[in-house]
Amino acid sequence: LPVVSVRVGDVEERLRGVEGCEVC
């Protein structure tokens, strides 16, 4: 499931390089 998230916890690390996801 594509994820759009604020920068919190380790989310930036988890979404790095994942297609269709964004850290705002």
mmCIF file of all heavy atoms, coordinates in Angstrom:
data_MODEL
# 
_entry.id   MODEL 
# 
loop_
_atom_site.group_PDB 
_atom_site.id 
_atom_site.type_symbol 
_atom_site.label_atom_id 
_atom_site.label_alt_id 
_atom_site.label_comp_id 
_atom_site.label_asym_id 
_atom_site.label_entity_id 
_atom_site.label_seq_id 
_atom_site.pdbx_PDB_ins_code 
_atom_site.Cartn_x 
_atom_site.Cartn_y 
_atom_site.Cartn_z 
_atom_site.occupancy 
_atom_site.B_iso_or_equiv 
_atom_site.pdbx_formal_charge 
_atom_site.auth_seq_id 
_atom_site.auth_comp_id 
_atom_site.auth_asym_id 
_atom_site.auth_atom_id 
_atom_site.pdbx_PDB_model_num 
ATOM 1   N N   . LEU A 1 1  ? 0.846  -1.190 0.000  1.00 0.00 ? 1  LEU A N   1 
ATOM 2   C CA  . LEU A 1 1  ? 0.000  0.000  0.000  1.00 0.00 ? 1  LEU A CA  1 
ATOM 3   C C   . LEU A 1 1  ? 0.885  1.244  0.000  1.00 0.00 ? 1  LEU A C   1 
ATOM 4   O O   . LEU A 1 1  ? 1.730  1.395  0.888  1.00 0.00 ? 1  LEU A O   1 
ATOM 5   C CB  . LEU A 1 1  ? -0.897 0.008  1.237  1.00 0.00 ? 1  LEU A CB  1 
ATOM 6   C CG  . LEU A 1 1  ? -1.801 1.235  1.425  1.00 0.00 ? 1  LEU A CG  1 
ATOM 7   C CD1 . LEU A 1 1  ? -2.812 1.352  0.293  1.00 0.00 ? 1  LEU A CD1 1 
ATOM 8   C CD2 . LEU A 1 1  ? -2.511 1.184  2.782  1.00 0.00 ? 1  LEU A CD2 1 
ATOM 9   N N   . PRO A 1 2  ? 0.736  2.145  -0.972 1.00 0.00 ? 2  PRO A N   1 
ATOM 10  C CA  . PRO A 1 2  ? 1.496  3.391  -0.965 1.00 0.00 ? 2  PRO A CA  1 
ATOM 11  C C   . PRO A 1 2  ? 1.255  4.178  0.327  1.00 0.00 ? 2  PRO A C   1 
ATOM 12  O O   . PRO A 1 2  ? 0.130  4.208  0.839  1.00 0.00 ? 2  PRO A O   1 
ATOM 13  C CB  . PRO A 1 2  ? 0.970  4.139  -2.186 1.00 0.00 ? 2  PRO A CB  1 
ATOM 14  C CG  . PRO A 1 2  ? 0.482  3.061  -3.103 1.00 0.00 ? 2  PRO A CG  1 
ATOM 15  C CD  . PRO A 1 2  ? -0.094 2.013  -2.191 1.00 0.00 ? 2  PRO A CD  1 
ATOM 16  N N   . VAL A 1 3  ? 2.307  4.829  0.829  1.00 0.00 ? 3  VAL A N   1 
ATOM 17  C CA  . VAL A 1 3  ? 2.243  5.550  2.103  1.00 0.00 ? 3  VAL A CA  1 
ATOM 18  C C   . VAL A 1 3  ? 2.642  7.003  1.893  1.00 0.00 ? 3  VAL A C   1 
ATOM 19  O O   . VAL A 1 3  ? 3.655  7.297  1.244  1.00 0.00 ? 3  VAL A O   1 
ATOM 20  C CB  . VAL A 1 3  ? 3.175  4.906  3.153  1.00 0.00 ? 3  VAL A CB  1 
ATOM 21  C CG1 . VAL A 1 3  ? 3.169  5.717  4.450  1.00 0.00 ? 3  VAL A CG1 1 
ATOM 22  C CG2 . VAL A 1 3  ? 2.775  3.455  3.416  1.00 0.00 ? 3  VAL A CG2 1 
ATOM 23  N N   . VAL A 1 4  ? 1.848  7.917  2.446  1.00 0.00 ? 4  VAL A N   1 
ATOM 24  C CA  . VAL A 1 4  ? 2.194  9.333  2.527  1.00 0.00 ? 4  VAL A CA  1 
ATOM 25  C C   . VAL A 1 4  ? 2.280  9.669  4.010  1.00 0.00 ? 4  VAL A C   1 
ATOM 26  O O   . VAL A 1 4  ? 1.310  9.475  4.749  1.00 0.00 ? 4  VAL A O   1 
ATOM 27  C CB  . VAL A 1 4  ? 1.145  10.220 1.833  1.00 0.00 ? 4  VAL A CB  1 
ATOM 28  C CG1 . VAL A 1 4  ? 1.410  11.693 2.136  1.00 0.00 ? 4  VAL A CG1 1 
ATOM 29  C CG2 . VAL A 1 4  ? 1.148  9.967  0.336  1.00 0.00 ? 4  VAL A CG2 1 
ATOM 30  N N   . SER A 1 5  ? 3.430  10.146 4.450  1.00 0.00 ? 5  SER A N   1 
ATOM 31  C CA  . SER A 1 5  ? 3.640  10.337 5.887  1.00 0.00 ? 5  SER A CA  1 
ATOM 32  C C   . SER A 1 5  ? 4.388  11.627 6.177  1.00 0.00 ? 5  SER A C   1 
ATOM 33  O O   . SER A 1 5  ? 5.168  12.122 5.356  1.00 0.00 ? 5  SER A O   1 
ATOM 34  C CB  . SER A 1 5  ? 4.439  9.156  6.453  1.00 0.00 ? 5  SER A CB  1 
ATOM 35  O OG  . SER A 1 5  ? 4.728  9.335  7.830  1.00 0.00 ? 5  SER A OG  1 
ATOM 36  N N   . VAL A 1 6  ? 4.152  12.156 7.369  1.00 0.00 ? 6  VAL A N   1 
ATOM 37  C CA  . VAL A 1 6  ? 5.000  13.210 7.900  1.00 0.00 ? 6  VAL A CA  1 
ATOM 38  C C   . VAL A 1 6  ? 6.310  12.571 8.345  1.00 0.00 ? 6  VAL A C   1 
ATOM 39  O O   . VAL A 1 6  ? 6.427  11.354 8.450  1.00 0.00 ? 6  VAL A O   1 
ATOM 40  C CB  . VAL A 1 6  ? 4.314  13.941 9.075  1.00 0.00 ? 6  VAL A CB  1 
ATOM 41  C CG1 . VAL A 1 6  ? 3.046  14.631 8.610  1.00 0.00 ? 6  VAL A CG1 1 
ATOM 42  C CG2 . VAL A 1 6  ? 4.020  12.980 10.227 1.00 0.00 ? 6  VAL A CG2 1 
ATOM 43  N N   . ARG A 1 7  ? 7.303  13.409 8.629  1.00 0.00 ? 7  ARG A N   1 
ATOM 44  C CA  . ARG A 1 7  ? 8.612  12.912 9.050  1.00 0.00 ? 7  ARG A CA  1 
ATOM 45  C C   . ARG A 1 7  ? 8.559  12.623 10.549 1.00 0.00 ? 7  ARG A C   1 
ATOM 46  O O   . ARG A 1 7  ? 8.563  13.530 11.376 1.00 0.00 ? 7  ARG A O   1 
ATOM 47  C CB  . ARG A 1 7  ? 9.673  13.976 8.715  1.00 0.00 ? 7  ARG A CB  1 
ATOM 48  C CG  . ARG A 1 7  ? 11.091 13.473 8.761  1.00 0.00 ? 7  ARG A CG  1 
ATOM 49  C CD  . ARG A 1 7  ? 12.068 14.508 8.227  1.00 0.00 ? 7  ARG A CD  1 
ATOM 50  N NE  . ARG A 1 7  ? 12.286 14.351 6.795  1.00 0.00 ? 7  ARG A NE  1 
ATOM 51  C CZ  . ARG A 1 7  ? 11.834 15.188 5.874  1.00 0.00 ? 7  ARG A CZ  1 
ATOM 52  N NH1 . ARG A 1 7  ? 11.110 16.237 6.225  1.00 0.00 ? 7  ARG A NH1 1 
ATOM 53  N NH2 . ARG A 1 7  ? 12.103 14.985 4.600  1.00 0.00 ? 7  ARG A NH2 1 
ATOM 54  N N   . VAL A 1 8  ? 8.492  11.349 10.923 1.00 0.00 ? 8  VAL A N   1 
ATOM 55  C CA  . VAL A 1 8  ? 8.341  10.964 12.326 1.00 0.00 ? 8  VAL A CA  1 
ATOM 56  C C   . VAL A 1 8  ? 8.934  9.571  12.530 1.00 0.00 ? 8  VAL A C   1 
ATOM 57  O O   . VAL A 1 8  ? 8.908  8.734  11.617 1.00 0.00 ? 8  VAL A O   1 
ATOM 58  C CB  . VAL A 1 8  ? 6.847  10.978 12.744 1.00 0.00 ? 8  VAL A CB  1 
ATOM 59  C CG1 . VAL A 1 8  ? 6.050  9.926  11.997 1.00 0.00 ? 8  VAL A CG1 1 
ATOM 60  C CG2 . VAL A 1 8  ? 6.678  10.815 14.251 1.00 0.00 ? 8  VAL A CG2 1 
ATOM 61  N N   . GLY A 1 9  ? 9.495  9.317  13.724 1.00 0.00 ? 9  GLY A N   1 
ATOM 62  C CA  . GLY A 1 9  ? 10.047 8.002  14.020 1.00 0.00 ? 9  GLY A CA  1 
ATOM 63  C C   . GLY A 1 9  ? 11.074 7.587  12.981 1.00 0.00 ? 9  GLY A C   1 
ATOM 64  O O   . GLY A 1 9  ? 11.925 8.375  12.564 1.00 0.00 ? 9  GLY A O   1 
ATOM 65  N N   . ASP A 1 10 ? 10.974 6.331  12.523 1.00 0.00 ? 10 ASP A N   1 
ATOM 66  C CA  . ASP A 1 10 ? 11.897 5.834  11.492 1.00 0.00 ? 10 ASP A CA  1 
ATOM 67  C C   . ASP A 1 10 ? 11.226 5.739  10.127 1.00 0.00 ? 10 ASP A C   1 
ATOM 68  O O   . ASP A 1 10 ? 11.685 5.001  9.252  1.00 0.00 ? 10 ASP A O   1 
ATOM 69  C CB  . ASP A 1 10 ? 12.461 4.471  11.902 1.00 0.00 ? 10 ASP A CB  1 
ATOM 70  C CG  . ASP A 1 10 ? 11.393 3.386  12.008 1.00 0.00 ? 10 ASP A CG  1 
ATOM 71  O OD1 . ASP A 1 10 ? 10.185 3.711  11.909 1.00 0.00 ? 10 ASP A OD1 1 
ATOM 72  O OD2 . ASP A 1 10 ? 11.750 2.201  12.198 1.00 0.00 ? 10 ASP A OD2 1 
ATOM 73  N N   . VAL A 1 11 ? 10.134 6.510  9.929  1.00 0.00 ? 11 VAL A N   1 
ATOM 74  C CA  . VAL A 1 11 ? 9.368  6.421  8.679  1.00 0.00 ? 11 VAL A CA  1 
ATOM 75  C C   . VAL A 1 11 ? 10.224 6.793  7.471  1.00 0.00 ? 11 VAL A C   1 
ATOM 76  O O   . VAL A 1 11 ? 10.153 6.133  6.422  1.00 0.00 ? 11 VAL A O   1 
ATOM 77  C CB  . VAL A 1 11 ? 8.114  7.317  8.746  1.00 0.00 ? 11 VAL A CB  1 
ATOM 78  C CG1 . VAL A 1 11 ? 7.474  7.444  7.366  1.00 0.00 ? 11 VAL A CG1 1 
ATOM 79  C CG2 . VAL A 1 11 ? 7.106  6.738  9.729  1.00 0.00 ? 11 VAL A CG2 1 
ATOM 80  N N   . GLU A 1 12 ? 11.041 7.820  7.596  1.00 0.00 ? 12 GLU A N   1 
ATOM 81  C CA  . GLU A 1 12 ? 11.868 8.240  6.460  1.00 0.00 ? 12 GLU A CA  1 
ATOM 82  C C   . GLU A 1 12 ? 12.776 7.098  6.006  1.00 0.00 ? 12 GLU A C   1 
ATOM 83  O O   . GLU A 1 12 ? 12.949 6.859  4.794  1.00 0.00 ? 12 GLU A O   1 
ATOM 84  C CB  . GLU A 1 12 ? 12.682 9.465  6.843  1.00 0.00 ? 12 GLU A CB  1 
ATOM 85  C CG  . GLU A 1 12 ? 13.306 10.170 5.660  1.00 0.00 ? 12 GLU A CG  1 
ATOM 86  C CD  . GLU A 1 12 ? 13.864 11.536 6.036  1.00 0.00 ? 12 GLU A CD  1 
ATOM 87  O OE1 . GLU A 1 12 ? 13.936 11.847 7.239  1.00 0.00 ? 12 GLU A OE1 1 
ATOM 88  O OE2 . GLU A 1 12 ? 14.219 12.282 5.105  1.00 0.00 ? 12 GLU A OE2 1 
ATOM 89  N N   . GLU A 1 13 ? 13.334 6.379  6.960  1.00 0.00 ? 13 GLU A N   1 
ATOM 90  C CA  . GLU A 1 13 ? 14.183 5.232  6.638  1.00 0.00 ? 13 GLU A CA  1 
ATOM 91  C C   . GLU A 1 13 ? 13.377 4.141  5.946  1.00 0.00 ? 13 GLU A C   1 
ATOM 92  O O   . GLU A 1 13 ? 13.826 3.534  4.965  1.00 0.00 ? 13 GLU A O   1 
ATOM 93  C CB  . GLU A 1 13 ? 14.819 4.685  7.921  1.00 0.00 ? 13 GLU A CB  1 
ATOM 94  C CG  . GLU A 1 13 ? 15.618 3.407  7.742  1.00 0.00 ? 13 GLU A CG  1 
ATOM 95  C CD  . GLU A 1 13 ? 16.048 2.803  9.060  1.00 0.00 ? 13 GLU A CD  1 
ATOM 96  O OE1 . GLU A 1 13 ? 15.912 3.470  10.116 1.00 0.00 ? 13 GLU A OE1 1 
ATOM 97  O OE2 . GLU A 1 13 ? 16.501 1.641  9.045  1.00 0.00 ? 13 GLU A OE2 1 
ATOM 98  N N   . ARG A 1 14 ? 12.161 3.880  6.437  1.00 0.00 ? 14 ARG A N   1 
ATOM 99  C CA  . ARG A 1 14 ? 11.342 2.807  5.877  1.00 0.00 ? 14 ARG A CA  1 
ATOM 100 C C   . ARG A 1 14 ? 10.881 3.113  4.445  1.00 0.00 ? 14 ARG A C   1 
ATOM 101 O O   . ARG A 1 14 ? 10.754 2.216  3.618  1.00 0.00 ? 14 ARG A O   1 
ATOM 102 C CB  . ARG A 1 14 ? 10.109 2.565  6.757  1.00 0.00 ? 14 ARG A CB  1 
ATOM 103 C CG  . ARG A 1 14 ? 10.420 2.092  8.151  1.00 0.00 ? 14 ARG A CG  1 
ATOM 104 C CD  . ARG A 1 14 ? 11.040 0.724  8.152  1.00 0.00 ? 14 ARG A CD  1 
ATOM 105 N NE  . ARG A 1 14 ? 11.729 0.464  9.419  1.00 0.00 ? 14 ARG A NE  1 
ATOM 106 C CZ  . ARG A 1 14 ? 12.819 -0.257 9.529  1.00 0.00 ? 14 ARG A CZ  1 
ATOM 107 N NH1 . ARG A 1 14 ? 13.367 -0.784 8.451  1.00 0.00 ? 14 ARG A NH1 1 
ATOM 108 N NH2 . ARG A 1 14 ? 13.382 -0.469 10.705 1.00 0.00 ? 14 ARG A NH2 1 
ATOM 109 N N   . LEU A 1 15 ? 10.616 4.389  4.154  1.00 0.00 ? 15 LEU A N   1 
ATOM 110 C CA  . LEU A 1 15 ? 10.064 4.744  2.848  1.00 0.00 ? 15 LEU A CA  1 
ATOM 111 C C   . LEU A 1 15 ? 11.135 5.098  1.822  1.00 0.00 ? 15 LEU A C   1 
ATOM 112 O O   . LEU A 1 15 ? 10.810 5.275  0.642  1.00 0.00 ? 15 LEU A O   1 
ATOM 113 C CB  . LEU A 1 15 ? 9.097  5.927  2.991  1.00 0.00 ? 15 LEU A CB  1 
ATOM 114 C CG  . LEU A 1 15 ? 7.879  5.717  3.894  1.00 0.00 ? 15 LEU A CG  1 
ATOM 115 C CD1 . LEU A 1 15 ? 6.917  6.894  3.761  1.00 0.00 ? 15 LEU A CD1 1 
ATOM 116 C CD2 . LEU A 1 15 ? 7.155  4.412  3.578  1.00 0.00 ? 15 LEU A CD2 1 
ATOM 117 N N   . ARG A 1 16 ? 12.377 5.165  2.259  1.00 0.00 ? 16 ARG A N   1 
ATOM 118 C CA  . ARG A 1 16 ? 13.445 5.571  1.344  1.00 0.00 ? 16 ARG A CA  1 
ATOM 119 C C   . ARG A 1 16 ? 13.560 4.577  0.174  1.00 0.00 ? 16 ARG A C   1 
ATOM 120 O O   . ARG A 1 16 ? 13.762 3.380  0.366  1.00 0.00 ? 16 ARG A O   1 
ATOM 121 C CB  . ARG A 1 16 ? 14.776 5.670  2.085  1.00 0.00 ? 16 ARG A CB  1 
ATOM 122 C CG  . ARG A 1 16 ? 15.915 6.273  1.261  1.00 0.00 ? 16 ARG A CG  1 
ATOM 123 C CD  . ARG A 1 16 ? 17.164 6.448  2.106  1.00 0.00 ? 16 ARG A CD  1 
ATOM 124 N NE  . ARG A 1 16 ? 16.948 7.408  3.186  1.00 0.00 ? 16 ARG A NE  1 
ATOM 125 C CZ  . ARG A 1 16 ? 17.155 7.153  4.459  1.00 0.00 ? 16 ARG A CZ  1 
ATOM 126 N NH1 . ARG A 1 16 ? 17.561 5.947  4.834  1.00 0.00 ? 16 ARG A NH1 1 
ATOM 127 N NH2 . ARG A 1 16 ? 16.950 8.082  5.377  1.00 0.00 ? 16 ARG A NH2 1 
ATOM 128 N N   . GLY A 1 17 ? 13.398 5.093  -1.031 1.00 0.00 ? 17 GLY A N   1 
ATOM 129 C CA  . GLY A 1 17 ? 13.553 4.260  -2.226 1.00 0.00 ? 17 GLY A CA  1 
ATOM 130 C C   . GLY A 1 17 ? 12.344 3.420  -2.577 1.00 0.00 ? 17 GLY A C   1 
ATOM 131 O O   . GLY A 1 17 ? 12.398 2.651  -3.541 1.00 0.00 ? 17 GLY A O   1 
ATOM 132 N N   . VAL A 1 18 ? 11.247 3.553  -1.822 1.00 0.00 ? 18 VAL A N   1 
ATOM 133 C CA  . VAL A 1 18 ? 10.053 2.750  -2.106 1.00 0.00 ? 18 VAL A CA  1 
ATOM 134 C C   . VAL A 1 18 ? 9.176  3.506  -3.110 1.00 0.00 ? 18 VAL A C   1 
ATOM 135 O O   . VAL A 1 18 ? 8.780  4.655  -2.863 1.00 0.00 ? 18 VAL A O   1 
ATOM 136 C CB  . VAL A 1 18 ? 9.249  2.452  -0.820 1.00 0.00 ? 18 VAL A CB  1 
ATOM 137 C CG1 . VAL A 1 18 ? 8.034  1.594  -1.151 1.00 0.00 ? 18 VAL A CG1 1 
ATOM 138 C CG2 . VAL A 1 18 ? 10.136 1.753  0.208  1.00 0.00 ? 18 VAL A CG2 1 
ATOM 139 N N   . GLU A 1 19 ? 8.872  2.865  -4.206 1.00 0.00 ? 19 GLU A N   1 
ATOM 140 C CA  . GLU A 1 19 ? 8.077  3.499  -5.257 1.00 0.00 ? 19 GLU A CA  1 
ATOM 141 C C   . GLU A 1 19 ? 6.662  3.792  -4.763 1.00 0.00 ? 19 GLU A C   1 
ATOM 142 O O   . GLU A 1 19 ? 6.047  2.976  -4.087 1.00 0.00 ? 19 GLU A O   1 
ATOM 143 C CB  . GLU A 1 19 ? 8.013  2.590  -6.485 1.00 0.00 ? 19 GLU A CB  1 
ATOM 144 C CG  . GLU A 1 19 ? 9.366  2.314  -7.135 1.00 0.00 ? 19 GLU A CG  1 
ATOM 145 C CD  . GLU A 1 19 ? 9.271  1.260  -8.213 1.00 0.00 ? 19 GLU A CD  1 
ATOM 146 O OE1 . GLU A 1 19 ? 8.136  0.820  -8.515 1.00 0.00 ? 19 GLU A OE1 1 
ATOM 147 O OE2 . GLU A 1 19 ? 10.321 0.868  -8.755 1.00 0.00 ? 19 GLU A OE2 1 
ATOM 148 N N   . GLY A 1 20 ? 6.161  4.990  -5.134 1.00 0.00 ? 20 GLY A N   1 
ATOM 149 C CA  . GLY A 1 20 ? 4.783  5.335  -4.819 1.00 0.00 ? 20 GLY A CA  1 
ATOM 150 C C   . GLY A 1 20 ? 4.559  5.801  -3.401 1.00 0.00 ? 20 GLY A C   1 
ATOM 151 O O   . GLY A 1 20 ? 3.416  5.929  -2.966 1.00 0.00 ? 20 GLY A O   1 
ATOM 152 N N   . CYS A 1 21 ? 5.635  6.070  -2.645 1.00 0.00 ? 21 CYS A N   1 
ATOM 153 C CA  . CYS A 1 21 ? 5.508  6.553  -1.263 1.00 0.00 ? 21 CYS A CA  1 
ATOM 154 C C   . CYS A 1 21 ? 6.196  7.910  -1.152 1.00 0.00 ? 21 CYS A C   1 
ATOM 155 O O   . CYS A 1 21 ? 7.146  8.194  -1.873 1.00 0.00 ? 21 CYS A O   1 
ATOM 156 C CB  . CYS A 1 21 ? 6.145  5.575  -0.278 1.00 0.00 ? 21 CYS A CB  1 
ATOM 157 S SG  . CYS A 1 21 ? 5.338  3.953  -0.213 1.00 0.00 ? 21 CYS A SG  1 
ATOM 158 N N   . GLU A 1 22 ? 5.722  8.725  -0.224 1.00 0.00 ? 22 GLU A N   1 
ATOM 159 C CA  . GLU A 1 22 ? 6.319  10.043 -0.017 1.00 0.00 ? 22 GLU A CA  1 
ATOM 160 C C   . GLU A 1 22 ? 6.384  10.396 1.464  1.00 0.00 ? 22 GLU A C   1 
ATOM 161 O O   . GLU A 1 22 ? 5.444  10.097 2.214  1.00 0.00 ? 22 GLU A O   1 
ATOM 162 C CB  . GLU A 1 22 ? 5.519  11.132 -0.742 1.00 0.00 ? 22 GLU A CB  1 
ATOM 163 C CG  . GLU A 1 22 ? 5.671  11.113 -2.250 1.00 0.00 ? 22 GLU A CG  1 
ATOM 164 C CD  . GLU A 1 22 ? 5.336  12.453 -2.876 1.00 0.00 ? 22 GLU A CD  1 
ATOM 165 O OE1 . GLU A 1 22 ? 5.478  13.501 -2.195 1.00 0.00 ? 22 GLU A OE1 1 
ATOM 166 O OE2 . GLU A 1 22 ? 4.933  12.451 -4.049 1.00 0.00 ? 22 GLU A OE2 1 
ATOM 167 N N   . VAL A 1 23 ? 7.491  11.050 1.841  1.00 0.00 ? 23 VAL A N   1 
ATOM 168 C CA  . VAL A 1 23 ? 7.604  11.698 3.148  1.00 0.00 ? 23 VAL A CA  1 
ATOM 169 C C   . VAL A 1 23 ? 7.459  13.190 2.895  1.00 0.00 ? 23 VAL A C   1 
ATOM 170 O O   . VAL A 1 23 ? 8.196  13.774 2.086  1.00 0.00 ? 23 VAL A O   1 
ATOM 171 C CB  . VAL A 1 23 ? 8.956  11.398 3.820  1.00 0.00 ? 23 VAL A CB  1 
ATOM 172 C CG1 . VAL A 1 23 ? 9.058  12.139 5.150  1.00 0.00 ? 23 VAL A CG1 1 
ATOM 173 C CG2 . VAL A 1 23 ? 9.129  9.902  4.036  1.00 0.00 ? 23 VAL A CG2 1 
ATOM 174 N N   . CYS A 1 24 ? 6.513  13.814 3.554  1.00 0.00 ? 24 CYS A N   1 
ATOM 175 C CA  . CYS A 1 24 ? 6.182  15.218 3.285  1.00 0.00 ? 24 CYS A CA  1 
ATOM 176 C C   . CYS A 1 24 ? 7.289  16.148 3.778  1.00 0.00 ? 24 CYS A C   1 
ATOM 177 O O   . CYS A 1 24 ? 7.926  15.888 4.807  1.00 0.00 ? 24 CYS A O   1 
ATOM 178 C CB  . CYS A 1 24 ? 4.862  15.592 3.943  1.00 0.00 ? 24 CYS A CB  1 
ATOM 179 S SG  . CYS A 1 24 ? 3.479  14.584 3.353  1.00 0.00 ? 24 CYS A SG  1 
# 
